[in-house]
Amino acid sequence: MRFLVCYSEANPCPEASTAWVSMSDLMDLAQLGIDAPTVLYVISWGFAFVLGSFLLGWGLSLAVGLIKKL
């Protein structure tokens, strides 16, 4: 799959600034700044959010159960 891209900020794009680029060139992860440390950082934040949400809900359920017993 190929896309027509414009290499200038002009609107409308001049003919000389257009080019056909393949999807693999556009989706190059290294050019987008996605590398192993970034992926690890995002996964760790996601894991911490899920675990934190679970512990918060568990703690609230324990507190509600304790209040109902009183």
PDB file of N, CA and C in Angstrom:
ATOM      1  N   MET A   1       0.845  -1.164   0.000  1.00  0.00           N
ATOM      2  CA  MET A   1       0.000   0.000   0.000  1.00  0.00           C
ATOM      3  C   MET A   1       0.899   1.237   0.000  1.00  0.00           C
ATOM      4  N   ARG A   2       0.537   2.179  -0.812  1.00  0.00           N
ATOM      5  CA  ARG A   2       1.331   3.395  -0.924  1.00  0.00           C
ATOM      6  C   ARG A   2       0.444   4.610  -0.652  1.00  0.00           C
ATOM      7  N   PHE A   3       1.054   5.644  -0.078  1.00  0.00           N
ATOM      8  CA  PHE A   3       0.342   6.866   0.274  1.00  0.00           C
ATOM      9  C   PHE A   3       0.983   8.053  -0.413  1.00  0.00           C
ATOM     10  N   LEU A   4       0.162   9.004  -0.794  1.00  0.00           N
ATOM     11  CA  LEU A   4       0.666  10.253  -1.361  1.00  0.00           C
ATOM     12  C   LEU A   4       0.879  11.229  -0.213  1.00  0.00           C
ATOM     13  N   VAL A   5       2.115  11.653  -0.004  1.00  0.00           N
ATOM     14  CA  VAL A   5       2.432  12.546   1.104  1.00  0.00           C
ATOM     15  C   VAL A   5       2.979  13.859   0.576  1.00  0.00           C
ATOM     16  N   CYS A   6       2.867  14.885   1.410  1.00  0.00           N
ATOM     17  CA  CYS A   6       3.371  16.208   1.071  1.00  0.00           C
ATOM     18  C   CYS A   6       4.532  16.527   2.014  1.00  0.00           C
ATOM     19  N   TYR A   7       5.641  16.979   1.451  1.00  0.00           N
ATOM     20  CA  TYR A   7       6.823  17.277   2.259  1.00  0.00           C
ATOM     21  C   TYR A   7       6.926  18.743   2.657  1.00  0.00           C
ATOM     22  N   SER A   8       5.940  19.549   2.343  1.00  0.00           N
ATOM     23  CA  SER A   8       5.976  20.964   2.728  1.00  0.00           C
ATOM     24  C   SER A   8       4.728  21.301   3.533  1.00  0.00           C
ATOM     25  N   GLU A   9       4.761  22.424   4.209  1.00  0.00           N
ATOM     26  CA  GLU A   9       3.642  22.865   5.038  1.00  0.00           C
ATOM     27  C   GLU A   9       2.642  23.717   4.272  1.00  0.00           C
ATOM     28  N   ALA A  10       2.862  23.923   2.989  1.00  0.00           N
ATOM     29  CA  ALA A  10       1.980  24.778   2.195  1.00  0.00           C
ATOM     30  C   ALA A  10       0.639  24.083   1.970  1.00  0.00           C
ATOM     31  N   ASN A  11      -0.405  24.904   1.922  1.00  0.00           N
ATOM     32  CA  ASN A  11      -1.729  24.374   1.655  1.00  0.00           C
ATOM     33  C   ASN A  11      -2.365  25.183   0.543  1.00  0.00           C
ATOM     34  N   PRO A  12      -2.655  24.637  -0.597  1.00  0.00           N
ATOM     35  CA  PRO A  12      -2.496  23.257  -1.036  1.00  0.00           C
ATOM     36  C   PRO A  12      -1.035  22.920  -1.317  1.00  0.00           C
ATOM     37  N   CYS A  13      -0.761  21.645  -1.290  1.00  0.00           N
ATOM     38  CA  CYS A  13       0.612  21.168  -1.458  1.00  0.00           C
ATOM     39  C   CYS A  13       1.066  21.356  -2.912  1.00  0.00           C
ATOM     40  N   PRO A  14       2.245  21.953  -3.118  1.00  0.00           N
ATOM     41  CA  PRO A  14       2.748  22.084  -4.489  1.00  0.00           C
ATOM     42  C   PRO A  14       3.088  20.714  -5.084  1.00  0.00           C
ATOM     43  N   GLU A  15       2.979  20.597  -6.397  1.00  0.00           N
ATOM     44  CA  GLU A  15       3.269  19.328  -7.073  1.00  0.00           C
ATOM     45  C   GLU A  15       4.685  18.851  -6.803  1.00  0.00           C
ATOM     46  N   ALA A  16       5.627  19.757  -6.702  1.00  0.00           N
ATOM     47  CA  ALA A  16       7.028  19.370  -6.519  1.00  0.00           C
ATOM     48  C   ALA A  16       7.288  18.782  -5.131  1.00  0.00           C
ATOM     49  N   SER A  17       6.383  19.009  -4.174  1.00  0.00           N
ATOM     50  CA  SER A  17       6.597  18.544  -2.798  1.00  0.00           C
ATOM     51  C   SER A  17       5.843  17.259  -2.476  1.00  0.00           C
ATOM     52  N   THR A  18       5.244  16.623  -3.480  1.00  0.00           N
ATOM     53  CA  THR A  18       4.503  15.395  -3.224  1.00  0.00           C
ATOM     54  C   THR A  18       5.334  14.179  -3.625  1.00  0.00           C
ATOM     55  N   ALA A  19       5.069  13.058  -2.949  1.00  0.00           N
ATOM     56  CA  ALA A  19       5.759  11.813  -3.276  1.00  0.00           C
ATOM     57  C   ALA A  19       4.908  10.639  -2.812  1.00  0.00           C
ATOM     58  N   TRP A  20       5.068   9.526  -3.496  1.00  0.00           N
ATOM     59  CA  TRP A  20       4.412   8.285  -3.096  1.00  0.00           C
ATOM     60  C   TRP A  20       5.347   7.536  -2.166  1.00  0.00           C
ATOM     61  N   VAL A  21       4.843   7.170  -0.981  1.00  0.00           N
ATOM     62  CA  VAL A  21       5.660   6.508   0.033  1.00  0.00           C
ATOM     63  C   VAL A  21       4.938   5.228   0.454  1.00  0.00           C
ATOM     64  N   SER A  22       5.704   4.155   0.654  1.00  0.00           N
ATOM     65  CA  SER A  22       5.092   2.899   1.087  1.00  0.00           C
ATOM     66  C   SER A  22       4.746   2.969   2.570  1.00  0.00           C
ATOM     67  N   MET A  23       3.823   2.122   2.973  1.00  0.00           N
ATOM     68  CA  MET A  23       3.382   2.116   4.368  1.00  0.00           C
ATOM     69  C   MET A  23       4.509   1.682   5.299  1.00  0.00           C
ATOM     70  N   SER A  24       5.364   0.790   4.847  1.00  0.00           N
ATOM     71  CA  SER A  24       6.468   0.340   5.700  1.00  0.00           C
ATOM     72  C   SER A  24       7.447   1.477   5.978  1.00  0.00           C
ATOM     73  N   ASP A  25       7.607   2.401   5.048  1.00  0.00           N
ATOM     74  CA  ASP A  25       8.465   3.559   5.303  1.00  0.00           C
ATOM     75  C   ASP A  25       7.826   4.520   6.292  1.00  0.00           C
ATOM     76  N   LEU A  26       6.506   4.656   6.222  1.00  0.00           N
ATOM     77  CA  LEU A  26       5.812   5.568   7.132  1.00  0.00           C
ATOM     78  C   LEU A  26       5.715   5.004   8.547  1.00  0.00           C
ATOM     79  N   MET A  27       5.637   3.696   8.676  1.00  0.00           N
ATOM     80  CA  MET A  27       5.441   3.070   9.981  1.00  0.00           C
ATOM     81  C   MET A  27       6.739   2.543  10.567  1.00  0.00           C
ATOM     82  N   ASP A  28       7.852   3.137  10.235  1.00  0.00           N
ATOM     83  CA  ASP A  28       9.138   2.722  10.790  1.00  0.00           C
ATOM     84  C   ASP A  28       9.184   3.133  12.256  1.00  0.00           C
ATOM     85  N   LEU A  29       9.220   2.143  13.149  1.00  0.00           N
ATOM     86  CA  LEU A  29       9.133   2.425  14.582  1.00  0.00           C
ATOM     87  C   LEU A  29      10.315   3.239  15.088  1.00  0.00           C
ATOM     88  N   ALA A  30      11.492   3.013  14.531  1.00  0.00           N
ATOM     89  CA  ALA A  30      12.663   3.768  14.973  1.00  0.00           C
ATOM     90  C   ALA A  30      12.522   5.250  14.627  1.00  0.00           C
ATOM     91  N   GLN A  31      11.945   5.550  13.472  1.00  0.00           N
ATOM     92  CA  GLN A  31      11.740   6.953  13.096  1.00  0.00           C
ATOM     93  C   GLN A  31      10.676   7.611  13.958  1.00  0.00           C
ATOM     94  N   LEU A  32       9.719   6.832  14.438  1.00  0.00           N
ATOM     95  CA  LEU A  32       8.670   7.372  15.294  1.00  0.00           C
ATOM     96  C   LEU A  32       9.128   7.554  16.735  1.00  0.00           C
ATOM     97  N   GLY A  33      10.308   7.043  17.062  1.00  0.00           N
ATOM     98  CA  GLY A  33      10.831   7.188  18.414  1.00  0.00           C
ATOM     99  C   GLY A  33      10.384   6.090  19.353  1.00  0.00           C
ATOM    100  N   ILE A  34       9.891   4.994  18.803  1.00  0.00           N
ATOM    101  CA  ILE A  34       9.448   3.870  19.631  1.00  0.00           C
ATOM    102  C   ILE A  34      10.590   2.877  19.711  1.00  0.00           C
ATOM    103  N   ASP A  35      11.143   2.721  20.912  1.00  0.00           N
ATOM    104  CA  ASP A  35      12.240   1.785  21.114  1.00  0.00           C
ATOM    105  C   ASP A  35      11.944   0.949  22.357  1.00  0.00           C
ATOM    106  N   ALA A  36      12.832   0.042  22.692  1.00  0.00           N
ATOM    107  CA  ALA A  36      12.598  -0.893  23.795  1.00  0.00           C
ATOM    108  C   ALA A  36      12.368  -0.199  25.142  1.00  0.00           C
ATOM    109  N   PRO A  37      13.166   0.809  25.522  1.00  0.00           N
ATOM    110  CA  PRO A  37      12.895   1.465  26.813  1.00  0.00           C
ATOM    111  C   PRO A  37      11.530   2.158  26.861  1.00  0.00           C
ATOM    112  N   THR A  38      11.086   2.709  25.751  1.00  0.00           N
ATOM    113  CA  THR A  38       9.783   3.367  25.719  1.00  0.00           C
ATOM    114  C   THR A  38       8.664   2.346  25.890  1.00  0.00           C
ATOM    115  N   VAL A  39       8.782   1.213  25.221  1.00  0.00           N
ATOM    116  CA  VAL A  39       7.776   0.156  25.346  1.00  0.00           C
ATOM    117  C   VAL A  39       7.738  -0.365  26.779  1.00  0.00           C
ATOM    118  N   LEU A  40       8.890  -0.585  27.378  1.00  0.00           N
ATOM    119  CA  LEU A  40       8.951  -1.054  28.770  1.00  0.00           C
ATOM    120  C   LEU A  40       8.331  -0.029  29.716  1.00  0.00           C
ATOM    121  N   TYR A  41       8.567   1.245  29.480  1.00  0.00           N
ATOM    122  CA  TYR A  41       8.009   2.317  30.300  1.00  0.00           C
ATOM    123  C   TYR A  41       6.480   2.308  30.224  1.00  0.00           C
ATOM    124  N   VAL A  42       5.942   2.181  29.026  1.00  0.00           N
ATOM    125  CA  VAL A  42       4.488   2.198  28.854  1.00  0.00           C
ATOM    126  C   VAL A  42       3.851   0.958  29.479  1.00  0.00           C
ATOM    127  N   ILE A  43       4.478  -0.201  29.289  1.00  0.00           N
ATOM    128  CA  ILE A  43       3.940  -1.430  29.878  1.00  0.00           C
ATOM    129  C   ILE A  43       3.970  -1.359  31.399  1.00  0.00           C
ATOM    130  N   SER A  44       5.044  -0.820  31.955  1.00  0.00           N
ATOM    131  CA  SER A  44       5.124  -0.727  33.420  1.00  0.00           C
ATOM    132  C   SER A  44       4.089   0.242  33.975  1.00  0.00           C
ATOM    133  N   TRP A  45       3.829   1.349  33.291  1.00  0.00           N
ATOM    134  CA  TRP A  45       2.785   2.266  33.735  1.00  0.00           C
ATOM    135  C   TRP A  45       1.414   1.613  33.662  1.00  0.00           C
ATOM    136  N   GLY A  46       1.162   0.860  32.609  1.00  0.00           N
ATOM    137  CA  GLY A  46      -0.118   0.163  32.488  1.00  0.00           C
ATOM    138  C   GLY A  46      -0.301  -0.871  33.578  1.00  0.00           C
ATOM    139  N   PHE A  47       0.756  -1.648  33.850  1.00  0.00           N
ATOM    140  CA  PHE A  47       0.687  -2.650  34.913  1.00  0.00           C
ATOM    141  C   PHE A  47       0.457  -1.985  36.265  1.00  0.00           C
ATOM    142  N   ALA A  48       1.155  -0.894  36.529  1.00  0.00           N
ATOM    143  CA  ALA A  48       0.994  -0.187  37.801  1.00  0.00           C
ATOM    144  C   ALA A  48      -0.422   0.375  37.942  1.00  0.00           C
ATOM    145  N   PHE A  49      -0.999   0.871  36.853  1.00  0.00           N
ATOM    146  CA  PHE A  49      -2.365   1.400  36.906  1.00  0.00           C
ATOM    147  C   PHE A  49      -3.364   0.289  37.210  1.00  0.00           C
ATOM    148  N   VAL A  50      -3.235  -0.849  36.535  1.00  0.00           N
ATOM    149  CA  VAL A  50      -4.169  -1.957  36.760  1.00  0.00           C
ATOM    150  C   VAL A  50      -4.022  -2.497  38.180  1.00  0.00           C
ATOM    151  N   LEU A  51      -2.798  -2.703  38.621  1.00  0.00           N
ATOM    152  CA  LEU A  51      -2.575  -3.209  39.972  1.00  0.00           C
ATOM    153  C   LEU A  51      -3.056  -2.203  41.017  1.00  0.00           C
ATOM    154  N   GLY A  52      -2.775  -0.926  40.808  1.00  0.00           N
ATOM    155  CA  GLY A  52      -3.228   0.103  41.744  1.00  0.00           C
ATOM    156  C   GLY A  52      -4.739   0.191  41.811  1.00  0.00           C
ATOM    157  N   SER A  53      -5.401   0.072  40.665  1.00  0.00           N
ATOM    158  CA  SER A  53      -6.866   0.096  40.656  1.00  0.00           C
ATOM    159  C   SER A  53      -7.437  -1.104  41.391  1.00  0.00           C
ATOM    160  N   PHE A  54      -6.817  -2.269  41.191  1.00  0.00           N
ATOM    161  CA  PHE A  54      -7.267  -3.469  41.900  1.00  0.00           C
ATOM    162  C   PHE A  54      -7.107  -3.296  43.408  1.00  0.00           C
ATOM    163  N   LEU A  55      -5.949  -2.825  43.835  1.00  0.00           N
ATOM    164  CA  LEU A  55      -5.705  -2.673  45.273  1.00  0.00           C
ATOM    165  C   LEU A  55      -6.616  -1.616  45.883  1.00  0.00           C
ATOM    166  N   LEU A  56      -6.901  -0.551  45.142  1.00  0.00           N
ATOM    167  CA  LEU A  56      -7.814   0.478  45.632  1.00  0.00           C
ATOM    168  C   LEU A  56      -9.221  -0.092  45.801  1.00  0.00           C
ATOM    169  N   GLY A  57      -9.690  -0.833  44.813  1.00  0.00           N
ATOM    170  CA  GLY A  57     -11.020  -1.453  44.918  1.00  0.00           C
ATOM    171  C   GLY A  57     -11.090  -2.478  46.024  1.00  0.00           C
ATOM    172  N   TRP A  58     -10.038  -3.252  46.180  1.00  0.00           N
ATOM    173  CA  TRP A  58      -9.992  -4.268  47.238  1.00  0.00           C
ATOM    174  C   TRP A  58     -10.007  -3.603  48.613  1.00  0.00           C
ATOM    175  N   GLY A  59      -9.220  -2.552  48.765  1.00  0.00           N
ATOM    176  CA  GLY A  59      -9.191  -1.829  50.036  1.00  0.00           C
ATOM    177  C   GLY A  59     -10.531  -1.189  50.349  1.00  0.00           C
ATOM    178  N   LEU A  60     -11.177  -0.618  49.340  1.00  0.00           N
ATOM    179  CA  LEU A  60     -12.497  -0.029  49.570  1.00  0.00           C
ATOM    180  C   LEU A  60     -13.530  -1.084  49.948  1.00  0.00           C
ATOM    181  N   SER A  61     -13.455  -2.249  49.305  1.00  0.00           N
ATOM    182  CA  SER A  61     -14.413  -3.303  49.650  1.00  0.00           C
ATOM    183  C   SER A  61     -14.174  -3.806  51.074  1.00  0.00           C
ATOM    184  N   LEU A  62     -12.930  -3.898  51.506  1.00  0.00           N
ATOM    185  CA  LEU A  62     -12.645  -4.283  52.887  1.00  0.00           C
ATOM    186  C   LEU A  62     -13.166  -3.240  53.865  1.00  0.00           C
ATOM    187  N   ALA A  63     -12.988  -1.966  53.521  1.00  0.00           N
ATOM    188  CA  ALA A  63     -13.464  -0.893  54.397  1.00  0.00           C
ATOM    189  C   ALA A  63     -14.986  -0.884  54.480  1.00  0.00           C
ATOM    190  N   VAL A  64     -15.657  -1.071  53.358  1.00  0.00           N
ATOM    191  CA  VAL A  64     -17.120  -1.101  53.370  1.00  0.00           C
ATOM    192  C   VAL A  64     -17.623  -2.306  54.157  1.00  0.00           C
ATOM    193  N   GLY A  65     -16.977  -3.446  53.982  1.00  0.00           N
ATOM    194  CA  GLY A  65     -17.363  -4.638  54.738  1.00  0.00           C
ATOM    195  C   GLY A  65     -17.163  -4.448  56.238  1.00  0.00           C
ATOM    196  N   LEU A  66     -16.070  -3.785  56.607  1.00  0.00           N
ATOM    197  CA  LEU A  66     -15.806  -3.533  58.019  1.00  0.00           C
ATOM    198  C   LEU A  66     -16.847  -2.567  58.596  1.00  0.00           C
ATOM    199  N   ILE A  67     -17.207  -1.547  57.839  1.00  0.00           N
ATOM    200  CA  ILE A  67     -18.220  -0.577  58.305  1.00  0.00           C
ATOM    201  C   ILE A  67     -19.568  -1.249  58.457  1.00  0.00           C
ATOM    202  N   LYS A  68     -19.929  -2.165  57.537  1.00  0.00           N
ATOM    203  CA  LYS A  68     -21.228  -2.851  57.625  1.00  0.00           C
ATOM    204  C   LYS A  68     -21.296  -3.771  58.842  1.00  0.00           C
ATOM    205  N   LYS A  69     -20.139  -4.310  59.262  1.00  0.00           N
ATOM    206  CA  LYS A  69     -20.128  -5.185  60.430  1.00  0.00           C
ATOM    207  C   LYS A  69     -20.300  -4.413  61.723  1.00  0.00           C
ATOM    208  N   LEU A  70     -19.932  -3.139  61.701  1.00  0.00           N
ATOM    209  CA  LEU A  70     -20.079  -2.335  62.909  1.00  0.00           C
ATOM    210  C   LEU A  70     -21.496  -1.924  63.037  1.00  0.00           C
TER     211      LEU A  70
END
